[in-house]
Amino acid sequence: MELREQVYVTAIARHGSLKQAAAELHISPPTLSIFLNRLEERMGVPLFDRVGKRLVPTCAGELYVRSAREMLAIQNKFR
């Protein structure tokens, strides 16, 4: 089971920063930015508000992050 999307979004939410989340994930900030832009386009809703350099989850983003954390917890139990 591959939950990369959920790992990326929860890291962004945890750090509130693409740079810090990318460092944790061992990817470049531009790669993470492209991932987030594509995900938001695909979902048709912004998941994070850009407040200066900080990323703050929107209402939809909060729901997504909560579900993503649940999915990751289930994956950990499964393992």
N, C-alpha and C. Protein backbone atom coordinates (compact mmCIF):
# COMPACT_ATOMS: atom_id res chain seq x y z
N MET A 1 0.85 -1.17 0.00
CA MET A 1 0.00 0.00 0.00
C MET A 1 0.90 1.24 0.00
N GLU A 2 0.69 2.09 -0.98
CA GLU A 2 1.51 3.30 -1.13
C GLU A 2 0.64 4.52 -0.80
N LEU A 3 1.02 5.25 0.23
CA LEU A 3 0.27 6.43 0.65
C LEU A 3 1.14 7.68 0.59
N ARG A 4 1.93 7.79 -0.45
CA ARG A 4 2.85 8.92 -0.58
C ARG A 4 2.12 10.26 -0.52
N GLU A 5 0.99 10.34 -1.20
CA GLU A 5 0.22 11.58 -1.22
C GLU A 5 -0.16 12.01 0.20
N GLN A 6 -0.61 11.06 1.00
CA GLN A 6 -1.00 11.36 2.37
C GLN A 6 0.22 11.75 3.22
N VAL A 7 1.33 11.08 3.01
CA VAL A 7 2.56 11.42 3.73
C VAL A 7 2.98 12.85 3.41
N TYR A 8 2.93 13.22 2.15
CA TYR A 8 3.34 14.56 1.74
C TYR A 8 2.42 15.63 2.35
N VAL A 9 1.11 15.42 2.26
CA VAL A 9 0.17 16.43 2.76
C VAL A 9 0.27 16.57 4.28
N THR A 10 0.42 15.47 5.00
CA THR A 10 0.54 15.58 6.45
C THR A 10 1.85 16.26 6.85
N ALA A 11 2.90 16.05 6.08
CA ALA A 11 4.17 16.74 6.37
C ALA A 11 4.02 18.25 6.15
N ILE A 12 3.34 18.64 5.09
CA ILE A 12 3.10 20.07 4.83
C ILE A 12 2.29 20.67 5.97
N ALA A 13 1.25 19.97 6.41
CA ALA A 13 0.41 20.48 7.49
C ALA A 13 1.20 20.57 8.80
N ARG A 14 2.02 19.59 9.07
CA ARG A 14 2.80 19.56 10.31
C ARG A 14 3.80 20.72 10.37
N HIS A 15 4.45 21.00 9.26
CA HIS A 15 5.49 22.03 9.24
C HIS A 15 4.96 23.41 8.87
N GLY A 16 3.87 23.47 8.09
CA GLY A 16 3.38 24.76 7.63
C GLY A 16 4.32 25.43 6.66
N SER A 17 5.20 24.63 6.07
CA SER A 17 6.24 25.16 5.20
C SER A 17 6.64 24.09 4.18
N LEU A 18 6.69 24.50 2.92
CA LEU A 18 7.14 23.55 1.90
C LEU A 18 8.62 23.20 2.09
N LYS A 19 9.42 24.21 2.46
CA LYS A 19 10.85 23.98 2.61
C LYS A 19 11.13 22.96 3.72
N GLN A 20 10.50 23.13 4.87
CA GLN A 20 10.73 22.21 5.98
C GLN A 20 10.14 20.83 5.70
N ALA A 21 8.96 20.79 5.10
CA ALA A 21 8.35 19.49 4.77
C ALA A 21 9.20 18.76 3.74
N ALA A 22 9.68 19.48 2.74
CA ALA A 22 10.52 18.86 1.71
C ALA A 22 11.80 18.30 2.32
N ALA A 23 12.38 19.03 3.27
CA ALA A 23 13.60 18.55 3.92
C ALA A 23 13.32 17.23 4.66
N GLU A 24 12.20 17.17 5.36
CA GLU A 24 11.82 15.94 6.07
C GLU A 24 11.62 14.78 5.09
N LEU A 25 11.03 15.09 3.94
CA LEU A 25 10.69 14.06 2.96
C LEU A 25 11.85 13.72 2.02
N HIS A 26 12.94 14.47 2.13
CA HIS A 26 14.12 14.27 1.28
C HIS A 26 13.81 14.48 -0.20
N ILE A 27 13.01 15.53 -0.47
CA ILE A 27 12.73 15.95 -1.84
C ILE A 27 12.95 17.46 -1.91
N SER A 28 12.95 18.02 -3.11
CA SER A 28 13.17 19.45 -3.24
C SER A 28 11.86 20.21 -3.01
N PRO A 29 11.95 21.43 -2.49
CA PRO A 29 10.74 22.24 -2.32
C PRO A 29 9.95 22.45 -3.62
N PRO A 30 10.63 22.69 -4.78
CA PRO A 30 9.85 22.83 -6.01
C PRO A 30 9.06 21.55 -6.36
N THR A 31 9.65 20.39 -6.11
CA THR A 31 8.95 19.14 -6.37
C THR A 31 7.70 19.04 -5.50
N LEU A 32 7.82 19.40 -4.23
CA LEU A 32 6.68 19.35 -3.32
C LEU A 32 5.63 20.39 -3.71
N SER A 33 6.06 21.55 -4.15
CA SER A 33 5.14 22.59 -4.59
C SER A 33 4.34 22.14 -5.81
N ILE A 34 5.02 21.53 -6.76
CA ILE A 34 4.34 21.01 -7.96
C ILE A 34 3.34 19.93 -7.56
N PHE A 35 3.75 19.04 -6.65
CA PHE A 35 2.85 17.99 -6.16
C PHE A 35 1.58 18.62 -5.59
N LEU A 36 1.75 19.61 -4.70
CA LEU A 36 0.60 20.23 -4.04
C LEU A 36 -0.29 20.94 -5.05
N ASN A 37 0.29 21.68 -5.98
CA ASN A 37 -0.51 22.36 -7.00
C ASN A 37 -1.32 21.38 -7.82
N ARG A 38 -0.72 20.28 -8.22
CA ARG A 38 -1.44 19.26 -9.01
C ARG A 38 -2.55 18.60 -8.20
N LEU A 39 -2.26 18.32 -6.94
CA LEU A 39 -3.28 17.71 -6.08
C LEU A 39 -4.47 18.65 -5.91
N GLU A 40 -4.20 19.92 -5.65
CA GLU A 40 -5.29 20.89 -5.49
C GLU A 40 -6.08 21.05 -6.79
N GLU A 41 -5.40 21.04 -7.92
CA GLU A 41 -6.10 21.12 -9.21
C GLU A 41 -6.98 19.90 -9.40
N ARG A 42 -6.44 18.73 -9.10
CA ARG A 42 -7.18 17.48 -9.28
C ARG A 42 -8.41 17.44 -8.36
N MET A 43 -8.25 17.94 -7.15
CA MET A 43 -9.36 17.92 -6.19
C MET A 43 -10.34 19.05 -6.45
N GLY A 44 -9.88 20.11 -7.13
CA GLY A 44 -10.76 21.23 -7.44
C GLY A 44 -11.00 22.16 -6.27
N VAL A 45 -10.12 22.08 -5.28
CA VAL A 45 -10.27 22.92 -4.09
C VAL A 45 -8.89 23.14 -3.48
N PRO A 46 -8.63 24.34 -2.98
CA PRO A 46 -7.34 24.55 -2.31
C PRO A 46 -7.32 23.83 -0.96
N LEU A 47 -6.23 23.19 -0.66
CA LEU A 47 -6.07 22.50 0.62
C LEU A 47 -5.35 23.36 1.64
N PHE A 48 -4.58 24.33 1.15
CA PHE A 48 -3.82 25.21 2.04
C PHE A 48 -3.96 26.65 1.56
N ASP A 49 -4.11 27.57 2.52
CA ASP A 49 -4.02 28.99 2.23
C ASP A 49 -2.57 29.40 2.40
N ARG A 50 -2.10 30.22 1.50
CA ARG A 50 -0.73 30.74 1.58
C ARG A 50 -0.79 32.05 2.35
N VAL A 51 -0.26 32.04 3.56
CA VAL A 51 -0.24 33.23 4.41
C VAL A 51 1.22 33.60 4.60
N GLY A 52 1.69 34.52 3.74
CA GLY A 52 3.12 34.81 3.71
C GLY A 52 3.84 33.56 3.22
N LYS A 53 4.79 33.10 4.00
CA LYS A 53 5.51 31.87 3.64
C LYS A 53 4.90 30.64 4.31
N ARG A 54 3.91 30.84 5.16
CA ARG A 54 3.27 29.73 5.87
C ARG A 54 2.13 29.16 5.07
N LEU A 55 1.93 27.87 5.21
CA LEU A 55 0.80 27.19 4.61
C LEU A 55 -0.14 26.76 5.72
N VAL A 56 -1.37 27.23 5.66
CA VAL A 56 -2.37 26.94 6.67
C VAL A 56 -3.50 26.16 6.02
N PRO A 57 -3.85 24.99 6.58
CA PRO A 57 -4.93 24.21 5.96
C PRO A 57 -6.25 24.98 5.87
N THR A 58 -6.90 24.86 4.74
CA THR A 58 -8.27 25.38 4.58
C THR A 58 -9.21 24.39 5.27
N CYS A 59 -10.49 24.66 5.25
CA CYS A 59 -11.46 23.69 5.81
C CYS A 59 -11.34 22.35 5.09
N ALA A 60 -11.26 22.40 3.77
CA ALA A 60 -11.10 21.16 2.99
C ALA A 60 -9.77 20.51 3.32
N GLY A 61 -8.74 21.32 3.51
CA GLY A 61 -7.43 20.80 3.86
C GLY A 61 -7.43 20.11 5.21
N GLU A 62 -8.15 20.68 6.18
CA GLU A 62 -8.23 20.06 7.49
C GLU A 62 -8.90 18.69 7.40
N LEU A 63 -9.96 18.59 6.61
CA LEU A 63 -10.62 17.30 6.41
C LEU A 63 -9.68 16.31 5.74
N TYR A 64 -8.95 16.78 4.74
CA TYR A 64 -8.01 15.92 4.02
C TYR A 64 -6.91 15.43 4.96
N VAL A 65 -6.35 16.34 5.73
CA VAL A 65 -5.25 15.99 6.65
C VAL A 65 -5.74 14.99 7.69
N ARG A 66 -6.92 15.21 8.23
CA ARG A 66 -7.48 14.28 9.23
C ARG A 66 -7.64 12.89 8.63
N SER A 67 -8.19 12.81 7.44
CA SER A 67 -8.38 11.52 6.77
C SER A 67 -7.04 10.88 6.43
N ALA A 68 -6.09 11.69 5.98
CA ALA A 68 -4.77 11.18 5.63
C ALA A 68 -4.08 10.58 6.86
N ARG A 69 -4.21 11.25 7.99
CA ARG A 69 -3.61 10.73 9.23
C ARG A 69 -4.26 9.40 9.63
N GLU A 70 -5.57 9.31 9.46
CA GLU A 70 -6.26 8.06 9.76
C GLU A 70 -5.77 6.95 8.84
N MET A 71 -5.61 7.25 7.57
CA MET A 71 -5.13 6.25 6.61
C MET A 71 -3.72 5.79 6.97
N LEU A 72 -2.87 6.72 7.36
CA LEU A 72 -1.50 6.36 7.74
C LEU A 72 -1.48 5.52 9.01
N ALA A 73 -2.38 5.82 9.95
CA ALA A 73 -2.48 5.03 11.17
C ALA A 73 -2.92 3.60 10.85
N ILE A 74 -3.89 3.48 9.94
CA ILE A 74 -4.35 2.15 9.53
C ILE A 74 -3.21 1.39 8.85
N GLN A 75 -2.46 2.08 8.02
CA GLN A 75 -1.33 1.44 7.36
C GLN A 75 -0.31 0.94 8.39
N ASN A 76 -0.04 1.75 9.41
CA ASN A 76 0.90 1.34 10.45
C ASN A 76 0.40 0.12 11.22
N LYS A 77 -0.90 0.07 11.51
CA LYS A 77 -1.48 -1.09 12.19
C LYS A 77 -1.36 -2.33 11.31
N PHE A 78 -1.60 -2.14 10.02
CA PHE A 78 -1.55 -3.25 9.07
C PHE A 78 -0.15 -3.86 9.02
N ARG A 79 0.85 -3.00 9.06
CA ARG A 79 2.22 -3.48 9.00
C ARG A 79 2.56 -4.25 10.25
